[in-house]
Amino acid sequence: MTNEAVSLTKAEAEIMREIWKADVPMTAAEVGRLVEDRGWKRTTVATFLAKLVEKGVLTAERRGRALYYTAKISQKEYKRGQTHRLIRTVFGGSARELVAALAEEGSLTGEDIAELREIFNKEE
């Protein structure tokens, strides 16, 4: 499965952000503590983790009685795949159209534009 094919729900993405941020193998209980402000029960977190393993985004390794979850893809890889998917499906394969849409919508600040200019200049 390519990173572009990985599709996460909003809740799954929230869990993955916490796992990526921690950058160490974590138990379901540890993940649960990080997302407790969402009001999810322990079983709900466990279900999300199981689905993420099924999707190939996480690995689960048994250590004693606990399962430890580790990200199988990095956040950067996931973002890259989702960006490719967005460009392909919404913008007909044109990255220029994506950037133009962001600029026309007013989503880019002056600082964003300056940073993008630097990136583009490096690529030339």
PDB file of N, CA and C in Angstrom:
ATOM      1  N   MET A   1       0.842  -1.177   0.000  1.00  0.00           N
ATOM      2  CA  MET A   1       0.000   0.000   0.000  1.00  0.00           C
ATOM      3  C   MET A   1       0.888   1.242   0.000  1.00  0.00           C
ATOM      4  N   THR A   2       0.596   2.168  -0.907  1.00  0.00           N
ATOM      5  CA  THR A   2       1.368   3.400  -0.942  1.00  0.00           C
ATOM      6  C   THR A   2       0.853   4.365   0.117  1.00  0.00           C
ATOM      7  N   ASN A   3       1.684   5.317   0.475  1.00  0.00           N
ATOM      8  CA  ASN A   3       1.250   6.310   1.460  1.00  0.00           C
ATOM      9  C   ASN A   3       0.081   7.126   0.935  1.00  0.00           C
ATOM     10  N   GLU A   4      -0.022   7.238  -0.388  1.00  0.00           N
ATOM     11  CA  GLU A   4      -1.141   7.960  -0.987  1.00  0.00           C
ATOM     12  C   GLU A   4      -2.444   7.194  -0.772  1.00  0.00           C
ATOM     13  N   ALA A   5      -2.352   5.875  -0.713  1.00  0.00           N
ATOM     14  CA  ALA A   5      -3.543   5.046  -0.549  1.00  0.00           C
ATOM     15  C   ALA A   5      -4.031   5.020   0.896  1.00  0.00           C
ATOM     16  N   VAL A   6      -3.186   5.405   1.845  1.00  0.00           N
ATOM     17  CA  VAL A   6      -3.574   5.396   3.258  1.00  0.00           C
ATOM     18  C   VAL A   6      -4.566   6.527   3.498  1.00  0.00           C
ATOM     19  N   SER A   7      -5.719   6.166   4.006  1.00  0.00           N
ATOM     20  CA  SER A   7      -6.733   7.162   4.308  1.00  0.00           C
ATOM     21  C   SER A   7      -7.089   7.049   5.793  1.00  0.00           C
ATOM     22  N   LEU A   8      -6.904   8.131   6.523  1.00  0.00           N
ATOM     23  CA  LEU A   8      -7.191   8.138   7.952  1.00  0.00           C
ATOM     24  C   LEU A   8      -8.417   8.983   8.241  1.00  0.00           C
ATOM     25  N   THR A   9      -9.216   8.513   9.181  1.00  0.00           N
ATOM     26  CA  THR A   9     -10.323   9.335   9.652  1.00  0.00           C
ATOM     27  C   THR A   9      -9.740  10.466  10.505  1.00  0.00           C
ATOM     28  N   LYS A  10     -10.567  11.426  10.837  1.00  0.00           N
ATOM     29  CA  LYS A  10     -10.106  12.535  11.682  1.00  0.00           C
ATOM     30  C   LYS A  10      -9.578  12.006  13.019  1.00  0.00           C
ATOM     31  N   ALA A  11     -10.303  11.091  13.631  1.00  0.00           N
ATOM     32  CA  ALA A  11      -9.890  10.530  14.931  1.00  0.00           C
ATOM     33  C   ALA A  11      -8.587   9.750  14.800  1.00  0.00           C
ATOM     34  N   GLU A  12      -8.462   8.944  13.744  1.00  0.00           N
ATOM     35  CA  GLU A  12      -7.231   8.190  13.528  1.00  0.00           C
ATOM     36  C   GLU A  12      -6.045   9.132  13.334  1.00  0.00           C
ATOM     37  N   ALA A  13      -6.266  10.211  12.607  1.00  0.00           N
ATOM     38  CA  ALA A  13      -5.196  11.188  12.384  1.00  0.00           C
ATOM     39  C   ALA A  13      -4.781  11.845  13.698  1.00  0.00           C
ATOM     40  N   GLU A  14      -5.748  12.110  14.588  1.00  0.00           N
ATOM     41  CA  GLU A  14      -5.422  12.693  15.893  1.00  0.00           C
ATOM     42  C   GLU A  14      -4.541  11.742  16.697  1.00  0.00           C
ATOM     43  N   ILE A  15      -4.874  10.472  16.671  1.00  0.00           N
ATOM     44  CA  ILE A  15      -4.072   9.475  17.387  1.00  0.00           C
ATOM     45  C   ILE A  15      -2.679   9.382  16.771  1.00  0.00           C
ATOM     46  N   MET A  16      -2.618   9.351  15.455  1.00  0.00           N
ATOM     47  CA  MET A  16      -1.310   9.262  14.794  1.00  0.00           C
ATOM     48  C   MET A  16      -0.447  10.489  15.102  1.00  0.00           C
ATOM     49  N   ARG A  17      -1.035  11.665  15.157  1.00  0.00           N
ATOM     50  CA  ARG A  17      -0.246  12.871  15.492  1.00  0.00           C
ATOM     51  C   ARG A  17       0.421  12.715  16.857  1.00  0.00           C
ATOM     52  N   GLU A  18      -0.294  12.136  17.815  1.00  0.00           N
ATOM     53  CA  GLU A  18       0.279  11.918  19.149  1.00  0.00           C
ATOM     54  C   GLU A  18       1.397  10.875  19.112  1.00  0.00           C
ATOM     55  N   ILE A  19       1.193   9.837  18.349  1.00  0.00           N
ATOM     56  CA  ILE A  19       2.215   8.787  18.236  1.00  0.00           C
ATOM     57  C   ILE A  19       3.443   9.329  17.519  1.00  0.00           C
ATOM     58  N   TRP A  20       3.236  10.090  16.447  1.00  0.00           N
ATOM     59  CA  TRP A  20       4.380  10.691  15.738  1.00  0.00           C
ATOM     60  C   TRP A  20       5.132  11.647  16.653  1.00  0.00           C
ATOM     61  N   LYS A  21       4.399  12.430  17.423  1.00  0.00           N
ATOM     62  CA  LYS A  21       5.022  13.403  18.322  1.00  0.00           C
ATOM     63  C   LYS A  21       5.869  12.693  19.384  1.00  0.00           C
ATOM     64  N   ALA A  22       5.357  11.612  19.936  1.00  0.00           N
ATOM     65  CA  ALA A  22       6.070  10.880  20.992  1.00  0.00           C
ATOM     66  C   ALA A  22       7.327  10.199  20.439  1.00  0.00           C
ATOM     67  N   ASP A  23       7.218   9.659  19.229  1.00  0.00           N
ATOM     68  CA  ASP A  23       8.354   9.037  18.530  1.00  0.00           C
ATOM     69  C   ASP A  23       8.991   7.882  19.305  1.00  0.00           C
ATOM     70  N   VAL A  24       8.196   7.174  20.104  1.00  0.00           N
ATOM     71  CA  VAL A  24       8.642   5.964  20.805  1.00  0.00           C
ATOM     72  C   VAL A  24       7.472   4.981  20.802  1.00  0.00           C
ATOM     73  N   PRO A  25       7.745   3.678  20.892  1.00  0.00           N
ATOM     74  CA  PRO A  25       6.648   2.719  20.992  1.00  0.00           C
ATOM     75  C   PRO A  25       5.780   3.035  22.217  1.00  0.00           C
ATOM     76  N   MET A  26       4.461   2.913  22.046  1.00  0.00           N
ATOM     77  CA  MET A  26       3.528   3.267  23.116  1.00  0.00           C
ATOM     78  C   MET A  26       2.463   2.195  23.292  1.00  0.00           C
ATOM     79  N   THR A  27       2.005   2.048  24.526  1.00  0.00           N
ATOM     80  CA  THR A  27       0.893   1.146  24.804  1.00  0.00           C
ATOM     81  C   THR A  27      -0.425   1.885  24.544  1.00  0.00           C
ATOM     82  N   ALA A  28      -1.507   1.124  24.485  1.00  0.00           N
ATOM     83  CA  ALA A  28      -2.829   1.731  24.308  1.00  0.00           C
ATOM     84  C   ALA A  28      -3.139   2.673  25.470  1.00  0.00           C
ATOM     85  N   ALA A  29      -2.721   2.287  26.681  1.00  0.00           N
ATOM     86  CA  ALA A  29      -2.975   3.136  27.851  1.00  0.00           C
ATOM     87  C   ALA A  29      -2.237   4.477  27.724  1.00  0.00           C
ATOM     88  N   GLU A  30      -1.000   4.427  27.235  1.00  0.00           N
ATOM     89  CA  GLU A  30      -0.234   5.670  27.068  1.00  0.00           C
ATOM     90  C   GLU A  30      -0.865   6.559  26.012  1.00  0.00           C
ATOM     91  N   VAL A  31      -1.291   5.963  24.903  1.00  0.00           N
ATOM     92  CA  VAL A  31      -1.970   6.739  23.862  1.00  0.00           C
ATOM     93  C   VAL A  31      -3.264   7.310  24.435  1.00  0.00           C
ATOM     94  N   GLY A  32      -3.993   6.496  25.186  1.00  0.00           N
ATOM     95  CA  GLY A  32      -5.246   6.939  25.788  1.00  0.00           C
ATOM     96  C   GLY A  32      -5.079   8.160  26.669  1.00  0.00           C
ATOM     97  N   ARG A  33      -3.983   8.197  27.436  1.00  0.00           N
ATOM     98  CA  ARG A  33      -3.728   9.371  28.291  1.00  0.00           C
ATOM     99  C   ARG A  33      -3.484  10.623  27.452  1.00  0.00           C
ATOM    100  N   LEU A  34      -2.850  10.461  26.303  1.00  0.00           N
ATOM    101  CA  LEU A  34      -2.554  11.609  25.443  1.00  0.00           C
ATOM    102  C   LEU A  34      -3.800  12.177  24.770  1.00  0.00           C
ATOM    103  N   VAL A  35      -4.817  11.339  24.600  1.00  0.00           N
ATOM    104  CA  VAL A  35      -6.038  11.790  23.923  1.00  0.00           C
ATOM    105  C   VAL A  35      -7.248  11.812  24.855  1.00  0.00           C
ATOM    106  N   GLU A  36      -7.007  11.757  26.162  1.00  0.00           N
ATOM    107  CA  GLU A  36      -8.124  11.673  27.115  1.00  0.00           C
ATOM    108  C   GLU A  36      -9.043  12.885  27.050  1.00  0.00           C
ATOM    109  N   ASP A  37      -8.539  14.038  26.598  1.00  0.00           N
ATOM    110  CA  ASP A  37      -9.372  15.236  26.512  1.00  0.00           C
ATOM    111  C   ASP A  37     -10.459  15.104  25.437  1.00  0.00           C
ATOM    112  N   ARG A  38     -10.353  14.096  24.567  1.00  0.00           N
ATOM    113  CA  ARG A  38     -11.375  13.871  23.540  1.00  0.00           C
ATOM    114  C   ARG A  38     -12.572  13.103  24.087  1.00  0.00           C
ATOM    115  N   GLY A  39     -12.431  12.551  25.294  1.00  0.00           N
ATOM    116  CA  GLY A  39     -13.535  11.825  25.911  1.00  0.00           C
ATOM    117  C   GLY A  39     -13.715  10.402  25.405  1.00  0.00           C
ATOM    118  N   TRP A  40     -12.695   9.866  24.732  1.00  0.00           N
ATOM    119  CA  TRP A  40     -12.790   8.500  24.223  1.00  0.00           C
ATOM    120  C   TRP A  40     -12.527   7.498  25.335  1.00  0.00           C
ATOM    121  N   LYS A  41     -13.305   6.424  25.347  1.00  0.00           N
ATOM    122  CA  LYS A  41     -13.088   5.344  26.304  1.00  0.00           C
ATOM    123  C   LYS A  41     -11.866   4.534  25.888  1.00  0.00           C
ATOM    124  N   ARG A  42     -11.354   3.779  26.831  1.00  0.00           N
ATOM    125  CA  ARG A  42     -10.181   2.938  26.588  1.00  0.00           C
ATOM    126  C   ARG A  42     -10.428   1.985  25.420  1.00  0.00           C
ATOM    127  N   THR A  43     -11.626   1.429  25.351  1.00  0.00           N
ATOM    128  CA  THR A  43     -11.947   0.483  24.275  1.00  0.00           C
ATOM    129  C   THR A  43     -11.992   1.179  22.910  1.00  0.00           C
ATOM    130  N   THR A  44     -12.420   2.426  22.906  1.00  0.00           N
ATOM    131  CA  THR A  44     -12.463   3.193  21.656  1.00  0.00           C
ATOM    132  C   THR A  44     -11.050   3.418  21.136  1.00  0.00           C
ATOM    133  N   VAL A  45     -10.146   3.801  22.029  1.00  0.00           N
ATOM    134  CA  VAL A  45      -8.745   4.009  21.635  1.00  0.00           C
ATOM    135  C   VAL A  45      -8.160   2.698  21.120  1.00  0.00           C
ATOM    136  N   ALA A  46      -8.435   1.605  21.799  1.00  0.00           N
ATOM    137  CA  ALA A  46      -7.934   0.294  21.371  1.00  0.00           C
ATOM    138  C   ALA A  46      -8.461  -0.067  19.983  1.00  0.00           C
ATOM    139  N   THR A  47      -9.715   0.253  19.710  1.00  0.00           N
ATOM    140  CA  THR A  47     -10.305  -0.009  18.397  1.00  0.00           C
ATOM    141  C   THR A  47      -9.608   0.818  17.322  1.00  0.00           C
ATOM    142  N   PHE A  48      -9.375   2.113  17.611  1.00  0.00           N
ATOM    143  CA  PHE A  48      -8.650   2.961  16.659  1.00  0.00           C
ATOM    144  C   PHE A  48      -7.257   2.395  16.379  1.00  0.00           C
ATOM    145  N   LEU A  49      -6.560   1.973  17.417  1.00  0.00           N
ATOM    146  CA  LEU A  49      -5.216   1.428  17.249  1.00  0.00           C
ATOM    147  C   LEU A  49      -5.247   0.155  16.399  1.00  0.00           C
ATOM    148  N   ALA A  50      -6.210  -0.710  16.641  1.00  0.00           N
ATOM    149  CA  ALA A  50      -6.344  -1.940  15.853  1.00  0.00           C
ATOM    150  C   ALA A  50      -6.595  -1.616  14.380  1.00  0.00           C
ATOM    151  N   LYS A  51      -7.431  -0.618  14.116  1.00  0.00           N
ATOM    152  CA  LYS A  51      -7.713  -0.220  12.729  1.00  0.00           C
ATOM    153  C   LYS A  51      -6.465   0.351  12.067  1.00  0.00           C
ATOM    154  N   LEU A  52      -5.680   1.098  12.827  1.00  0.00           N
ATOM    155  CA  LEU A  52      -4.442   1.669  12.276  1.00  0.00           C
ATOM    156  C   LEU A  52      -3.424   0.575  11.954  1.00  0.00           C
ATOM    157  N   VAL A  53      -3.414  -0.486  12.752  1.00  0.00           N
ATOM    158  CA  VAL A  53      -2.554  -1.641  12.445  1.00  0.00           C
ATOM    159  C   VAL A  53      -3.051  -2.307  11.159  1.00  0.00           C
ATOM    160  N   GLU A  54      -4.368  -2.505  11.042  1.00  0.00           N
ATOM    161  CA  GLU A  54      -4.957  -3.103   9.838  1.00  0.00           C
ATOM    162  C   GLU A  54      -4.620  -2.298   8.587  1.00  0.00           C
ATOM    163  N   LYS A  55      -4.622  -0.983   8.714  1.00  0.00           N
ATOM    164  CA  LYS A  55      -4.330  -0.102   7.581  1.00  0.00           C
ATOM    165  C   LYS A  55      -2.839  -0.069   7.253  1.00  0.00           C
ATOM    166  N   GLY A  56      -2.023  -0.657   8.103  1.00  0.00           N
ATOM    167  CA  GLY A  56      -0.589  -0.689   7.845  1.00  0.00           C
ATOM    168  C   GLY A  56       0.151   0.568   8.254  1.00  0.00           C
ATOM    169  N   VAL A  57      -0.479   1.394   9.075  1.00  0.00           N
ATOM    170  CA  VAL A  57       0.132   2.640   9.525  1.00  0.00           C
ATOM    171  C   VAL A  57       0.920   2.425  10.820  1.00  0.00           C
ATOM    172  N   LEU A  58       0.474   1.463  11.609  1.00  0.00           N
ATOM    173  CA  LEU A  58       1.130   1.118  12.878  1.00  0.00           C
ATOM    174  C   LEU A  58       1.535  -0.352  12.866  1.00  0.00           C
ATOM    175  N   THR A  59       2.526  -0.666  13.696  1.00  0.00           N
ATOM    176  CA  THR A  59       2.825  -2.054  14.004  1.00  0.00           C
ATOM    177  C   THR A  59       2.511  -2.246  15.483  1.00  0.00           C
ATOM    178  N   ALA A  60       2.171  -3.464  15.835  1.00  0.00           N
ATOM    179  CA  ALA A  60       1.902  -3.797  17.235  1.00  0.00           C
ATOM    180  C   ALA A  60       2.833  -4.928  17.628  1.00  0.00           C
ATOM    181  N   GLU A  61       3.590  -4.716  18.694  1.00  0.00           N
ATOM    182  CA  GLU A  61       4.540  -5.719  19.178  1.00  0.00           C
ATOM    183  C   GLU A  61       4.218  -6.058  20.619  1.00  0.00           C
ATOM    184  N   ARG A  62       4.039  -7.349  20.883  1.00  0.00           N
ATOM    185  CA  ARG A  62       3.726  -7.773  22.240  1.00  0.00           C
ATOM    186  C   ARG A  62       5.009  -7.830  23.060  1.00  0.00           C
ATOM    187  N   ARG A  63       4.961  -7.168  24.213  1.00  0.00           N
ATOM    188  CA  ARG A  63       6.053  -7.203  25.187  1.00  0.00           C
ATOM    189  C   ARG A  63       5.416  -7.546  26.525  1.00  0.00           C
ATOM    190  N   GLY A  64       5.583  -8.780  26.911  1.00  0.00           N
ATOM    191  CA  GLY A  64       4.896  -9.221  28.127  1.00  0.00           C
ATOM    192  C   GLY A  64       3.410  -9.251  27.867  1.00  0.00           C
ATOM    193  N   ARG A  65       2.653  -8.573  28.715  1.00  0.00           N
ATOM    194  CA  ARG A  65       1.191  -8.550  28.564  1.00  0.00           C
ATOM    195  C   ARG A  65       0.697  -7.396  27.712  1.00  0.00           C
ATOM    196  N   ALA A  66       1.577  -6.437  27.414  1.00  0.00           N
ATOM    197  CA  ALA A  66       1.146  -5.225  26.711  1.00  0.00           C
ATOM    198  C   ALA A  66       1.549  -5.251  25.236  1.00  0.00           C
ATOM    199  N   LEU A  67       0.729  -4.607  24.431  1.00  0.00           N
ATOM    200  CA  LEU A  67       1.065  -4.363  23.032  1.00  0.00           C
ATOM    201  C   LEU A  67       1.672  -2.973  22.938  1.00  0.00           C
ATOM    202  N   TYR A  68       2.757  -2.861  22.213  1.00  0.00           N
ATOM    203  CA  TYR A  68       3.393  -1.568  21.981  1.00  0.00           C
ATOM    204  C   TYR A  68       3.209  -1.200  20.513  1.00  0.00           C
ATOM    205  N   TYR A  69       2.720  -0.003  20.290  1.00  0.00           N
ATOM    206  CA  TYR A  69       2.412   0.474  18.945  1.00  0.00           C
ATOM    207  C   TYR A  69       3.494   1.433  18.477  1.00  0.00           C
ATOM    208  N   THR A  70       3.923   1.223  17.225  1.00  0.00           N
ATOM    209  CA  THR A  70       4.960   2.058  16.624  1.00  0.00           C
ATOM    210  C   THR A  70       4.490   2.476  15.234  1.00  0.00           C
ATOM    211  N   ALA A  71       4.756   3.717  14.875  1.00  0.00           N
ATOM    212  CA  ALA A  71       4.398   4.209  13.541  1.00  0.00           C
ATOM    213  C   ALA A  71       5.214   3.469  12.487  1.00  0.00           C
ATOM    214  N   LYS A  72       4.532   3.017  11.457  1.00  0.00           N
ATOM    215  CA  LYS A  72       5.186   2.327  10.353  1.00  0.00           C
ATOM    216  C   LYS A  72       5.589   3.312   9.259  1.00  0.00           C
ATOM    217  N   ILE A  73       4.882   4.427   9.183  1.00  0.00           N
ATOM    218  CA  ILE A  73       5.249   5.498   8.256  1.00  0.00           C
ATOM    219  C   ILE A  73       5.398   6.781   9.060  1.00  0.00           C
ATOM    220  N   SER A  74       6.240   7.652   8.585  1.00  0.00           N
ATOM    221  CA  SER A  74       6.449   8.927   9.285  1.00  0.00           C
ATOM    222  C   SER A  74       5.333   9.905   8.930  1.00  0.00           C
ATOM    223  N   GLN A  75       5.228  10.934   9.732  1.00  0.00           N
ATOM    224  CA  GLN A  75       4.230  11.966   9.464  1.00  0.00           C
ATOM    225  C   GLN A  75       4.542  12.640   8.127  1.00  0.00           C
ATOM    226  N   LYS A  76       5.813  12.837   7.849  1.00  0.00           N
ATOM    227  CA  LYS A  76       6.223  13.460   6.583  1.00  0.00           C
ATOM    228  C   LYS A  76       5.792  12.595   5.393  1.00  0.00           C
ATOM    229  N   GLU A  77       5.977  11.274   5.508  1.00  0.00           N
ATOM    230  CA  GLU A  77       5.567  10.365   4.434  1.00  0.00           C
ATOM    231  C   GLU A  77       4.050  10.408   4.241  1.00  0.00           C
ATOM    232  N   TYR A  78       3.319  10.434   5.356  1.00  0.00           N
ATOM    233  CA  TYR A  78       1.860  10.491   5.272  1.00  0.00           C
ATOM    234  C   TYR A  78       1.407  11.788   4.597  1.00  0.00           C
ATOM    235  N   LYS A  79       1.983  12.908   5.031  1.00  0.00           N
ATOM    236  CA  LYS A  79       1.614  14.197   4.440  1.00  0.00           C
ATOM    237  C   LYS A  79       1.944  14.234   2.954  1.00  0.00           C
ATOM    238  N   ARG A  80       3.097  13.690   2.588  1.00  0.00           N
ATOM    239  CA  ARG A  80       3.502  13.666   1.173  1.00  0.00           C
ATOM    240  C   ARG A  80       2.477  12.857   0.366  1.00  0.00           C
ATOM    241  N   GLY A  81       2.090  11.700   0.865  1.00  0.00           N
ATOM    242  CA  GLY A  81       1.109  10.874   0.167  1.00  0.00           C
ATOM    243  C   GLY A  81      -0.236  11.563   0.027  1.00  0.00           C
ATOM    244  N   GLN A  82      -0.681  12.213   1.098  1.00  0.00           N
ATOM    245  CA  GLN A  82      -1.968  12.903   1.055  1.00  0.00           C
ATOM    246  C   GLN A  82      -1.923  14.117   0.127  1.00  0.00           C
ATOM    247  N   THR A  83      -0.773  14.777   0.074  1.00  0.00           N
ATOM    248  CA  THR A  83      -0.616  15.918  -0.835  1.00  0.00           C
ATOM    249  C   THR A  83      -0.688  15.443  -2.280  1.00  0.00           C
ATOM    250  N   HIS A  84      -0.003  14.349  -2.594  1.00  0.00           N
ATOM    251  CA  HIS A  84      -0.061  13.786  -3.954  1.00  0.00           C
ATOM    252  C   HIS A  84      -1.495  13.409  -4.313  1.00  0.00           C
ATOM    253  N   ARG A  85      -2.177  12.820  -3.355  1.00  0.00           N
ATOM    254  CA  ARG A  85      -3.563  12.409  -3.584  1.00  0.00           C
ATOM    255  C   ARG A  85      -4.454  13.618  -3.855  1.00  0.00           C
ATOM    256  N   LEU A  86      -4.298  14.663  -3.056  1.00  0.00           N
ATOM    257  CA  LEU A  86      -5.074  15.890  -3.233  1.00  0.00           C
ATOM    258  C   LEU A  86      -4.804  16.513  -4.602  1.00  0.00           C
ATOM    259  N   ILE A  87      -3.539  16.623  -4.949  1.00  0.00           N
ATOM    260  CA  ILE A  87      -3.179  17.216  -6.243  1.00  0.00           C
ATOM    261  C   ILE A  87      -3.779  16.397  -7.384  1.00  0.00           C
ATOM    262  N   ARG A  88      -3.681  15.072  -7.267  1.00  0.00           N
ATOM    263  CA  ARG A  88      -4.182  14.198  -8.330  1.00  0.00           C
ATOM    264  C   ARG A  88      -5.707  14.256  -8.440  1.00  0.00           C
ATOM    265  N   THR A  89      -6.401  14.159  -7.305  1.00  0.00           N
ATOM    266  CA  THR A  89      -7.860  14.029  -7.355  1.00  0.00           C
ATOM    267  C   THR A  89      -8.599  15.361  -7.476  1.00  0.00           C
ATOM    268  N   VAL A  90      -8.091  16.392  -6.838  1.00  0.00           N
ATOM    269  CA  VAL A  90      -8.812  17.669  -6.829  1.00  0.00           C
ATOM    270  C   VAL A  90      -8.288  18.637  -7.883  1.00  0.00           C
ATOM    271  N   PHE A  91      -6.978  18.604  -8.116  1.00  0.00           N
ATOM    272  CA  PHE A  91      -6.361  19.586  -9.011  1.00  0.00           C
ATOM    273  C   PHE A  91      -5.857  18.978 -10.313  1.00  0.00           C
ATOM    274  N   GLY A  92      -6.360  17.790 -10.655  1.00  0.00           N
ATOM    275  CA  GLY A  92      -6.034  17.177 -11.937  1.00  0.00           C
ATOM    276  C   GLY A  92      -4.552  16.953 -12.168  1.00  0.00           C
ATOM    277  N   GLY A  93      -3.810  16.773 -11.084  1.00  0.00           N
ATOM    278  CA  GLY A  93      -2.380  16.514 -11.201  1.00  0.00           C
ATOM    279  C   GLY A  93      -1.517  17.772 -11.246  1.00  0.00           C
ATOM    280  N   SER A  94      -2.127  18.933 -11.110  1.00  0.00           N
ATOM    281  CA  SER A  94      -1.389  20.189 -11.209  1.00  0.00           C
ATOM    282  C   SER A  94      -1.101  20.793  -9.834  1.00  0.00           C
ATOM    283  N   ALA A  95       0.172  20.730  -9.426  1.00  0.00           N
ATOM    284  CA  ALA A  95       0.585  21.355  -8.166  1.00  0.00           C
ATOM    285  C   ALA A  95       0.442  22.871  -8.268  1.00  0.00           C
ATOM    286  N   ARG A  96       0.654  23.416  -9.467  1.00  0.00           N
ATOM    287  CA  ARG A  96       0.522  24.852  -9.678  1.00  0.00           C
ATOM    288  C   ARG A  96      -0.895  25.306  -9.351  1.00  0.00           C
ATOM    289  N   GLU A  97      -1.887  24.512  -9.749  1.00  0.00           N
ATOM    290  CA  GLU A  97      -3.279  24.873  -9.459  1.00  0.00           C
ATOM    291  C   GLU A  97      -3.550  24.854  -7.960  1.00  0.00           C
ATOM    292  N   LEU A  98      -2.936  23.938  -7.244  1.00  0.00           N
ATOM    293  CA  LEU A  98      -3.082  23.898  -5.779  1.00  0.00           C
ATOM    294  C   LEU A  98      -2.524  25.177  -5.165  1.00  0.00           C
ATOM    295  N   VAL A  99      -1.317  25.542  -5.537  1.00  0.00           N
ATOM    296  CA  VAL A  99      -0.687  26.741  -4.978  1.00  0.00           C
ATOM    297  C   VAL A  99      -1.481  27.983  -5.379  1.00  0.00           C
ATOM    298  N   ALA A 100      -1.950  28.032  -6.618  1.00  0.00           N
ATOM    299  CA  ALA A 100      -2.757  29.166  -7.074  1.00  0.00           C
ATOM    300  C   ALA A 100      -4.046  29.277  -6.265  1.00  0.00           C
ATOM    301  N   ALA A 101      -4.670  28.142  -5.991  1.00  0.00           N
ATOM    302  CA  ALA A 101      -5.913  28.153  -5.198  1.00  0.00           C
ATOM    303  C   ALA A 101      -5.650  28.678  -3.795  1.00  0.00           C
ATOM    304  N   LEU A 102      -4.533  28.269  -3.184  1.00  0.00           N
ATOM    305  CA  LEU A 102      -4.188  28.759  -1.843  1.00  0.00           C
ATOM    306  C   LEU A 102      -3.946  30.265  -1.863  1.00  0.00           C
ATOM    307  N   ALA A 103      -3.253  30.736  -2.888  1.00  0.00           N
ATOM    308  CA  ALA A 103      -2.947  32.168  -2.991  1.00  0.00           C
ATOM    309  C   ALA A 103      -4.226  32.977  -3.233  1.00  0.00           C
ATOM    310  N   GLU A 104      -5.059  32.501  -4.142  1.00  0.00           N
ATOM    311  CA  GLU A 104      -6.295  33.221  -4.473  1.00  0.00           C
ATOM    312  C   GLU A 104      -7.267  33.253  -3.300  1.00  0.00           C
ATOM    313  N   GLU A 105      -7.263  32.216  -2.499  1.00  0.00           N
ATOM    314  CA  GLU A 105      -8.169  32.127  -1.359  1.00  0.00           C
ATOM    315  C   GLU A 105      -7.712  33.018  -0.212  1.00  0.00           C
ATOM    316  N   GLY A 106      -6.450  33.416  -0.230  1.00  0.00           N
ATOM    317  CA  GLY A 106      -5.913  34.238   0.848  1.00  0.00           C
ATOM    318  C   GLY A 106      -5.362  33.419   1.992  1.00  0.00           C
ATOM    319  N   SER A 107      -5.119  32.128   1.761  1.00  0.00           N
ATOM    320  CA  SER A 107      -4.599  31.254   2.814  1.00  0.00           C
ATOM    321  C   SER A 107      -3.125  31.469   3.088  1.00  0.00           C
ATOM    322  N   LEU A 108      -2.417  32.082   2.147  1.00  0.00           N
ATOM    323  CA  LEU A 108      -0.979  32.268   2.302  1.00  0.00           C
ATOM    324  C   LEU A 108      -0.671  33.657   2.857  1.00  0.00           C
ATOM    325  N   THR A 109       0.118  33.695   3.908  1.00  0.00           N
ATOM    326  CA  THR A 109       0.562  34.972   4.462  1.00  0.00           C
ATOM    327  C   THR A 109       1.773  35.454   3.669  1.00  0.00           C
ATOM    328  N   GLY A 110       2.179  36.683   3.894  1.00  0.00           N
ATOM    329  CA  GLY A 110       3.391  37.201   3.272  1.00  0.00           C
ATOM    330  C   GLY A 110       4.596  36.367   3.635  1.00  0.00           C
ATOM    331  N   GLU A 111       4.637  35.916   4.886  1.00  0.00           N
ATOM    332  CA  GLU A 111       5.734  35.062   5.353  1.00  0.00           C
ATOM    333  C   GLU A 111       5.719  33.719   4.621  1.00  0.00           C
ATOM    334  N   ASP A 112       4.517  33.158   4.423  1.00  0.00           N
ATOM    335  CA  ASP A 112       4.396  31.896   3.686  1.00  0.00           C
ATOM    336  C   ASP A 112       4.939  32.051   2.266  1.00  0.00           C
ATOM    337  N   ILE A 113       4.556  33.148   1.626  1.00  0.00           N
ATOM    338  CA  ILE A 113       4.981  33.390   0.242  1.00  0.00           C
ATOM    339  C   ILE A 113       6.497  33.544   0.166  1.00  0.00           C
ATOM    340  N   ALA A 114       7.083  34.255   1.128  1.00  0.00           N
ATOM    341  CA  ALA A 114       8.532  34.419   1.152  1.00  0.00           C
ATOM    342  C   ALA A 114       9.231  33.061   1.324  1.00  0.00           C
ATOM    343  N   GLU A 115       8.703  32.223   2.210  1.00  0.00           N
ATOM    344  CA  GLU A 115       9.286  30.893   2.414  1.00  0.00           C
ATOM    345  C   GLU A 115       9.161  30.040   1.156  1.00  0.00           C
ATOM    346  N   LEU A 116       8.014  30.128   0.491  1.00  0.00           N
ATOM    347  CA  LEU A 116       7.829  29.368  -0.745  1.00  0.00           C
ATOM    348  C   LEU A 116       8.787  29.853  -1.833  1.00  0.00           C
ATOM    349  N   ARG A 117       8.997  31.152  -1.903  1.00  0.00           N
ATOM    350  CA  ARG A 117       9.960  31.678  -2.885  1.00  0.00           C
ATOM    351  C   ARG A 117      11.342  31.091  -2.651  1.00  0.00           C
ATOM    352  N   GLU A 118      11.742  31.027  -1.375  1.00  0.00           N
ATOM    353  CA  GLU A 118      13.044  30.437  -1.048  1.00  0.00           C
ATOM    354  C   GLU A 118      13.114  28.981  -1.494  1.00  0.00           C
ATOM    355  N   ILE A 119      12.062  28.236  -1.220  1.00  0.00           N
ATOM    356  CA  ILE A 119      12.018  26.822  -1.619  1.00  0.00           C
ATOM    357  C   ILE A 119      12.110  26.708  -3.137  1.00  0.00           C
ATOM    358  N   PHE A 120      11.320  27.513  -3.861  1.00  0.00           N
ATOM    359  CA  PHE A 120      11.336  27.443  -5.314  1.00  0.00           C
ATOM    360  C   PHE A 120      12.696  27.840  -5.870  1.00  0.00           C
ATOM    361  N   ASN A 121      13.320  28.842  -5.287  1.00  0.00           N
ATOM    362  CA  ASN A 121      14.645  29.281  -5.752  1.00  0.00           C
ATOM    363  C   ASN A 121      15.687  28.196  -5.557  1.00  0.00           C
ATOM    364  N   LYS A 122      15.597  27.444  -4.461  1.00  0.00           N
ATOM    365  CA  LYS A 122      16.525  26.336  -4.216  1.00  0.00           C
ATOM    366  C   LYS A 122      16.345  25.239  -5.254  1.00  0.00           C
ATOM    367  N   GLU A 123      15.112  25.019  -5.685  1.00  0.00           N
ATOM    368  CA  GLU A 123      14.806  23.951  -6.634  1.00  0.00           C
ATOM    369  C   GLU A 123      15.259  24.281  -8.046  1.00  0.00           C
ATOM    370  N   GLU A 124      15.417  25.559  -8.355  1.00  0.00           N
ATOM    371  CA  GLU A 124      15.798  25.951  -9.724  1.00  0.00           C
ATOM    372  C   GLU A 124      17.191  25.614  -9.955  1.00  0.00           C
TER     373      GLU A 124
END
